[in-house]
Amino acid sequence: MKKRIASLLPATIYIAAAATTLASPVDFDFNDPKGVNTIIFMLDSKLEPIMGVAGGISGTMTFDATKPEATRGIISLDTKSIHTPNGGMKNKIQTKDWLDGKTHKTIDFAIESVEEVKKSKGRYELSVIANLTCKGTTKKIKTIVSATHMPGKLSSRMGSAEGDLLVLRSNFTISRKDFKIKPDMGNDVVSDKIELRISIVGTHVKK
């Protein structure tokens, strides 16, 4: 009996250690070295649509697959990375009336709490309360963030590096007036609603 117990000890210790590792929260870095991370914005108007993309994304998100409701972190967007196909519009967006990129260098999305989690096939649908800071104004928003956790898949994306991936996706709408983005523009010409589409991947490199 003693020999049997002794033979089981290494396996028991291994399982316990593995469980501890799996339960640990992991920090994912969203400063993508491949430059793929993108946020798309759309603003409609009677005269012409205003659409653009931004790629200057950074930030860290802490995620635990065994406790996704504890997800916390902040994603920052470099205001000056926002651009449109039209050069004149790109410059206008950076002016004081619009985003004032010279003064307000980042737009920040910080998860404050997760109210509900739905899991399906490795994807977690997180109902989050977040603080969105744009042009010096912070507003609470409620939205769905889809989180896809892919353990051990970093090497498939980055070559020799070993680690994990976390893909975040979210679509939501904000009010232009709430953030003082050209607030005096009539809604009969340009919509007050700005649609944002976020699709970004974070990496965790195992040491």
Protein backbone atom coordinates (compact mmCIF):
# COMPACT_ATOMS: atom_id res chain seq x y z
CA MET A 1 0.00 0.00 0.00
CA LYS A 2 2.83 2.41 0.88
CA LYS A 3 4.49 1.72 -2.48
CA ARG A 4 1.23 2.40 -4.29
CA ILE A 5 0.74 5.72 -2.47
CA ALA A 6 4.35 6.68 -3.19
CA SER A 7 3.90 5.90 -6.89
CA LEU A 8 0.81 8.11 -7.06
CA LEU A 9 2.45 11.12 -5.40
CA PRO A 10 4.34 12.45 -8.47
CA ALA A 11 1.19 12.34 -10.62
CA THR A 12 -0.84 14.02 -7.88
CA ILE A 13 1.73 16.77 -7.50
CA TYR A 14 1.85 17.26 -11.29
CA ILE A 15 -1.95 17.52 -11.56
CA ALA A 16 -2.10 20.00 -8.68
CA ALA A 17 0.66 22.11 -10.24
CA ALA A 18 -1.08 22.08 -13.62
CA ALA A 19 -4.36 23.13 -12.07
CA THR A 20 -2.64 26.00 -10.29
CA THR A 21 -1.05 27.12 -13.56
CA LEU A 22 -4.33 26.97 -15.47
CA ALA A 23 -6.09 28.97 -12.77
CA SER A 24 -3.59 31.81 -12.81
CA PRO A 25 -4.59 35.14 -14.36
CA VAL A 26 -2.47 36.06 -17.39
CA ASP A 27 -1.53 39.51 -18.68
CA PHE A 28 -1.95 39.93 -22.45
CA ASP A 29 -0.08 42.69 -24.29
CA PHE A 30 -2.03 44.38 -27.11
CA ASN A 31 0.90 46.27 -28.62
CA ASP A 32 0.92 44.01 -31.68
CA PRO A 33 4.37 43.67 -33.31
CA LYS A 34 2.69 42.54 -36.55
CA GLY A 35 0.65 45.74 -36.74
CA VAL A 36 -2.62 43.92 -37.44
CA ASN A 37 -4.72 45.28 -34.55
CA THR A 38 -7.30 47.70 -35.90
CA ILE A 39 -10.23 49.80 -34.75
CA ILE A 40 -12.73 50.94 -37.41
CA PHE A 41 -15.02 53.93 -37.01
CA MET A 42 -18.04 54.99 -39.08
CA LEU A 43 -19.94 58.27 -38.98
CA ASP A 44 -22.82 58.76 -41.39
CA SER A 45 -24.05 61.99 -42.95
CA LYS A 46 -26.43 63.15 -45.68
CA LEU A 47 -23.63 64.44 -47.87
CA GLU A 48 -20.97 61.76 -47.45
CA PRO A 49 -20.00 58.90 -45.12
CA ILE A 50 -17.00 59.38 -42.87
CA MET A 51 -15.07 56.17 -42.33
CA GLY A 52 -11.59 55.39 -41.11
CA VAL A 53 -9.26 53.08 -39.25
CA ALA A 54 -6.72 53.33 -36.47
CA GLY A 55 -3.82 51.02 -35.75
CA GLY A 56 -1.88 52.67 -32.91
CA ILE A 57 -3.13 50.29 -30.23
CA SER A 58 -1.50 49.39 -26.93
CA GLY A 59 -2.50 48.25 -23.45
CA THR A 60 -2.80 45.21 -21.24
CA MET A 61 -5.71 42.95 -20.36
CA THR A 62 -5.64 40.46 -17.48
CA PHE A 63 -7.60 37.29 -18.28
CA ASP A 64 -8.21 34.05 -16.39
CA ALA A 65 -9.97 31.29 -18.34
CA THR A 66 -11.29 29.80 -15.08
CA LYS A 67 -12.61 33.17 -13.90
CA PRO A 68 -13.42 35.32 -16.95
CA GLU A 69 -15.64 37.58 -14.84
CA ALA A 70 -12.43 38.94 -13.29
CA THR A 71 -11.21 40.29 -16.65
CA ARG A 72 -9.72 43.76 -16.22
CA GLY A 73 -7.46 46.04 -18.22
CA ILE A 74 -7.16 49.03 -20.48
CA ILE A 75 -6.81 49.39 -24.24
CA SER A 76 -5.37 52.66 -25.54
CA LEU A 77 -5.58 54.09 -29.02
CA ASP A 78 -3.07 56.65 -30.30
CA THR A 79 -5.32 59.48 -31.50
CA LYS A 80 -2.89 60.49 -34.23
CA SER A 81 -2.99 57.00 -35.75
CA ILE A 82 -6.57 57.60 -36.90
CA HIS A 83 -6.73 58.09 -40.64
CA THR A 84 -9.18 58.16 -43.53
CA PRO A 85 -8.72 57.65 -47.28
CA ASN A 86 -9.21 61.39 -47.76
CA GLY A 87 -6.18 63.39 -46.61
CA GLY A 88 -8.20 66.52 -45.88
CA MET A 89 -10.60 64.63 -43.65
CA LYS A 90 -7.69 62.92 -41.89
CA ASN A 91 -6.22 66.31 -40.97
CA LYS A 92 -9.61 67.72 -39.94
CA ILE A 93 -10.22 64.86 -37.49
CA GLN A 94 -7.10 65.88 -35.57
CA THR A 95 -8.18 69.53 -35.13
CA LYS A 96 -9.39 71.03 -31.86
CA ASP A 97 -13.07 70.90 -32.83
CA TRP A 98 -12.88 67.20 -33.57
CA LEU A 99 -10.50 64.93 -31.59
CA ASP A 100 -7.79 67.48 -30.75
CA GLY A 101 -5.05 64.89 -31.17
CA LYS A 102 -2.32 67.33 -30.20
CA THR A 103 -3.75 67.75 -26.69
CA HIS A 104 -5.52 64.42 -26.15
CA LYS A 105 -3.01 61.87 -27.32
CA THR A 106 -4.94 58.69 -26.53
CA ILE A 107 -8.47 57.31 -26.45
CA ASP A 108 -8.80 54.79 -23.61
CA PHE A 109 -11.18 51.88 -23.03
CA ALA A 110 -10.91 50.49 -19.47
CA ILE A 111 -12.99 47.54 -18.26
CA GLU A 112 -14.38 48.34 -14.81
CA SER A 113 -16.47 45.21 -14.23
CA VAL A 114 -17.94 42.16 -15.95
CA GLU A 115 -21.65 41.70 -15.21
CA GLU A 116 -22.29 38.45 -17.07
CA VAL A 117 -20.35 35.73 -18.88
CA LYS A 118 -21.59 33.32 -21.53
CA LYS A 119 -19.22 30.63 -22.78
CA SER A 120 -19.42 28.77 -26.08
CA LYS A 121 -16.68 26.71 -27.78
CA GLY A 122 -13.72 28.53 -26.28
CA ARG A 123 -15.29 31.96 -26.72
CA TYR A 124 -16.46 34.07 -23.80
CA GLU A 125 -19.17 36.69 -24.30
CA LEU A 126 -18.49 39.26 -21.59
CA SER A 127 -21.11 41.84 -20.70
CA VAL A 128 -18.86 44.64 -19.48
CA ILE A 129 -19.08 48.06 -17.88
CA ALA A 130 -16.21 50.15 -19.20
CA ASN A 131 -14.92 53.69 -18.90
CA LEU A 132 -14.32 55.26 -22.30
CA THR A 133 -12.14 58.37 -22.24
CA CYS A 134 -12.01 60.54 -25.35
CA LYS A 135 -11.00 64.17 -25.70
CA GLY A 136 -10.71 64.57 -21.94
CA THR A 137 -14.22 63.26 -21.20
CA THR A 138 -14.92 59.91 -19.54
CA LYS A 139 -18.23 58.11 -19.94
CA LYS A 140 -19.40 54.72 -18.71
CA ILE A 141 -20.61 52.40 -21.43
CA LYS A 142 -22.10 48.92 -21.38
CA THR A 143 -21.20 46.61 -24.22
CA ILE A 144 -20.45 43.01 -25.14
CA VAL A 145 -16.80 42.02 -25.52
CA SER A 146 -16.15 38.68 -27.18
CA ALA A 147 -12.97 37.08 -25.84
CA THR A 148 -11.40 34.08 -27.56
CA HIS A 149 -8.68 32.46 -25.47
CA MET A 150 -6.14 30.32 -27.38
CA PRO A 151 -3.59 28.66 -25.08
CA GLY A 152 -0.31 27.70 -26.75
CA LYS A 153 -1.19 29.36 -30.09
CA LEU A 154 1.31 32.22 -29.99
CA SER A 155 3.87 30.21 -31.97
CA SER A 156 1.34 29.71 -34.78
CA ARG A 157 1.17 33.49 -35.17
CA MET A 158 4.63 34.67 -34.15
CA GLY A 159 6.95 31.85 -35.14
CA SER A 160 9.34 30.63 -32.44
CA ALA A 161 7.75 32.44 -29.48
CA GLU A 162 5.83 30.20 -27.06
CA GLY A 163 2.72 31.49 -25.32
CA ASP A 164 -0.97 32.26 -25.55
CA LEU A 165 -3.30 34.52 -27.54
CA LEU A 166 -6.40 36.46 -26.52
CA VAL A 167 -8.59 37.92 -29.29
CA LEU A 168 -11.06 40.64 -28.30
CA ARG A 169 -13.93 41.80 -30.50
CA SER A 170 -16.58 44.40 -29.79
CA ASN A 171 -18.99 46.65 -31.69
CA PHE A 172 -20.66 49.60 -30.01
CA THR A 173 -21.90 53.12 -30.64
CA ILE A 174 -21.03 56.37 -28.88
CA SER A 175 -22.48 59.86 -29.02
CA ARG A 176 -20.37 62.51 -30.72
CA LYS A 177 -21.82 65.19 -28.45
CA ASP A 178 -21.07 63.22 -25.28
CA PHE A 179 -17.37 63.51 -26.06
CA LYS A 180 -17.49 67.05 -27.49
CA ILE A 181 -16.52 65.86 -30.96
CA LYS A 182 -17.64 68.73 -33.17
CA PRO A 183 -20.70 69.16 -30.89
CA ASP A 184 -22.16 72.12 -32.76
CA MET A 185 -22.63 70.17 -36.00
CA GLY A 186 -26.32 69.73 -36.80
CA ASN A 187 -27.64 66.18 -36.67
CA ASP A 188 -29.56 66.84 -39.86
CA VAL A 189 -26.19 66.89 -41.65
CA VAL A 190 -23.93 64.54 -39.68
CA SER A 191 -25.16 61.81 -37.37
CA ASP A 192 -24.51 62.12 -33.65
CA LYS A 193 -23.72 58.42 -33.50
CA ILE A 194 -20.22 57.06 -34.12
CA GLU A 195 -20.03 53.31 -34.66
CA LEU A 196 -16.85 51.59 -33.44
CA ARG A 197 -15.70 48.11 -34.45
CA ILE A 198 -12.84 46.64 -32.45
CA SER A 199 -10.92 43.50 -33.43
CA ILE A 200 -7.59 43.07 -31.65
CA VAL A 201 -5.28 40.31 -30.44
CA GLY A 202 -3.15 40.25 -27.30
CA THR A 203 -0.12 38.07 -26.66
CA HIS A 204 1.34 36.43 -23.58
CA VAL A 205 4.90 35.17 -23.99
CA LYS A 206 5.83 32.28 -21.70
CA LYS A 207 9.18 32.74 -19.97
